[in-house]
Amino acid sequence: MECQTINGLVFSYASKQAIKEIRRVEGLSSALLTITGVGTFANIFLANKVIEASYSLSTTDFKMMTKGMTAIPLMKRSIIERIAGLTALRVSTREERLFWKTIYLGCKGGE
């Protein structure tokens, strides 16, 4: 979908609620990424003894951690797409519907 200029866009209550929800999802996904990384490394490096630290390092599944961390942005995108799609169905103006449709489908700027 090509990016379009939307003139006269005024957000309704439904759109404002959707924007709040998207901001909440963004904050939660950022926190989840941080917690996942910090938790794994704390598990490795906060051991009391060198032997325990070595054991933690050898038993830590870095592939699983990486897989989990790369899934978070995909989940976030999916949730935001769902919010945008549902909001597009709930708004009444053409401009708002176009805005949420663009969020749902994405757009590519002209070159």
Protein backbone atom coordinates (compact mmCIF):
# COMPACT_ATOMS: atom_id res chain seq x y z
CA MET A 1 0.00 0.00 0.00
CA GLU A 2 1.30 3.44 -0.87
CA CYS A 3 1.47 6.05 1.90
CA GLN A 4 -1.24 8.65 1.56
CA THR A 5 -1.67 12.09 3.03
CA ILE A 6 -4.72 12.17 5.28
CA ASN A 7 -6.20 15.65 5.57
CA GLY A 8 -8.66 16.59 8.28
CA LEU A 9 -7.92 13.60 10.51
CA VAL A 10 -9.55 13.98 13.92
CA PHE A 11 -9.31 11.05 16.28
CA SER A 12 -12.49 9.75 17.88
CA TYR A 13 -12.67 8.22 21.33
CA ALA A 14 -12.18 4.73 19.81
CA SER A 15 -9.00 5.84 18.04
CA LYS A 16 -7.64 7.51 21.16
CA GLN A 17 -8.23 4.31 23.14
CA ALA A 18 -6.50 2.26 20.43
CA ILE A 19 -3.50 4.58 20.50
CA LYS A 20 -3.28 4.20 24.30
CA GLU A 21 -3.41 0.42 23.92
CA ILE A 22 -0.66 0.46 21.26
CA ARG A 23 1.54 2.56 23.56
CA ARG A 24 0.90 0.07 26.38
CA VAL A 25 1.85 -2.87 24.12
CA GLU A 26 5.02 -1.03 23.06
CA GLY A 27 6.03 -0.46 26.68
CA LEU A 28 5.30 -4.03 27.70
CA SER A 29 7.27 -5.50 24.80
CA SER A 30 10.26 -3.29 25.61
CA ALA A 31 10.10 -4.35 29.25
CA LEU A 32 9.82 -8.01 28.27
CA LEU A 33 12.91 -7.77 26.07
CA THR A 34 14.86 -6.18 28.91
CA ILE A 35 13.69 -8.69 31.49
CA THR A 36 14.49 -11.65 29.23
CA GLY A 37 18.04 -10.49 28.60
CA VAL A 38 18.77 -9.35 32.15
CA GLY A 39 17.26 -12.49 33.65
CA THR A 40 19.41 -14.79 31.56
CA PHE A 41 22.62 -12.94 32.28
CA ALA A 42 21.79 -12.55 35.97
CA ASN A 43 21.32 -16.30 36.11
CA ILE A 44 24.82 -16.76 34.69
CA PHE A 45 26.82 -14.07 36.46
CA LEU A 46 25.19 -13.65 39.86
CA ALA A 47 26.19 -17.09 41.10
CA ASN A 48 28.17 -17.12 44.34
CA LYS A 49 30.92 -19.48 43.24
CA VAL A 50 33.03 -19.84 40.10
CA ILE A 51 31.94 -23.48 39.66
CA GLU A 52 28.26 -22.45 39.79
CA ALA A 53 28.91 -19.65 37.27
CA SER A 54 30.63 -22.11 34.94
CA TYR A 55 27.75 -24.55 35.31
CA SER A 56 25.19 -21.80 34.64
CA LEU A 57 27.08 -20.71 31.53
CA SER A 58 27.28 -24.25 30.16
CA THR A 59 23.61 -25.01 30.82
CA THR A 60 22.17 -21.73 29.55
CA ASP A 61 20.28 -22.24 26.30
CA PHE A 62 21.35 -19.18 24.29
CA LYS A 63 19.53 -20.41 21.18
CA MET A 64 16.25 -20.57 23.07
CA MET A 65 16.88 -17.14 24.64
CA THR A 66 17.61 -15.65 21.20
CA LYS A 67 14.54 -17.31 19.71
CA GLY A 68 12.38 -15.91 22.50
CA MET A 69 13.81 -12.42 22.17
CA THR A 70 13.30 -12.35 18.39
CA ALA A 71 9.68 -13.48 18.82
CA ILE A 72 8.76 -10.50 20.98
CA PRO A 73 8.78 -7.90 18.14
CA LEU A 74 6.75 -10.27 15.96
CA MET A 75 4.15 -10.69 18.70
CA LYS A 76 4.07 -6.93 19.23
CA ARG A 77 3.50 -6.33 15.52
CA SER A 78 0.72 -8.91 15.43
CA ILE A 79 -1.05 -7.31 18.40
CA ILE A 80 -0.75 -3.82 16.91
CA GLU A 81 -2.11 -5.08 13.57
CA ARG A 82 -5.07 -6.63 15.39
CA ILE A 83 -5.76 -3.40 17.29
CA ALA A 84 -5.56 -1.38 14.05
CA GLY A 85 -7.83 -3.76 12.15
CA LEU A 86 -10.48 -3.78 14.86
CA THR A 87 -10.31 -0.02 15.27
CA ALA A 88 -10.75 0.48 11.51
CA LEU A 89 -14.06 -1.36 11.86
CA ARG A 90 -15.19 0.78 14.81
CA VAL A 91 -14.54 4.29 13.52
CA SER A 92 -17.02 6.24 11.46
CA THR A 93 -15.04 8.71 9.38
CA ARG A 94 -13.29 7.90 6.12
CA GLU A 95 -10.08 9.59 7.32
CA GLU A 96 -9.86 7.52 10.49
CA ARG A 97 -10.64 4.32 8.62
CA LEU A 98 -7.87 5.12 6.10
CA PHE A 99 -5.44 5.84 8.94
CA TRP A 100 -6.11 2.53 10.70
CA LYS A 101 -6.10 0.61 7.43
CA THR A 102 -2.66 2.07 6.71
CA ILE A 103 -1.44 1.02 10.16
CA TYR A 104 -2.89 -2.47 9.61
CA LEU A 105 -1.46 -3.00 6.12
CA GLY A 106 1.61 -0.78 6.40
CA CYS A 107 2.70 1.58 3.67
CA LYS A 108 5.73 2.33 1.60
CA GLY A 109 6.66 5.93 0.85
CA GLY A 110 7.07 7.13 -2.70
CA GLU A 111 10.58 7.57 -4.02
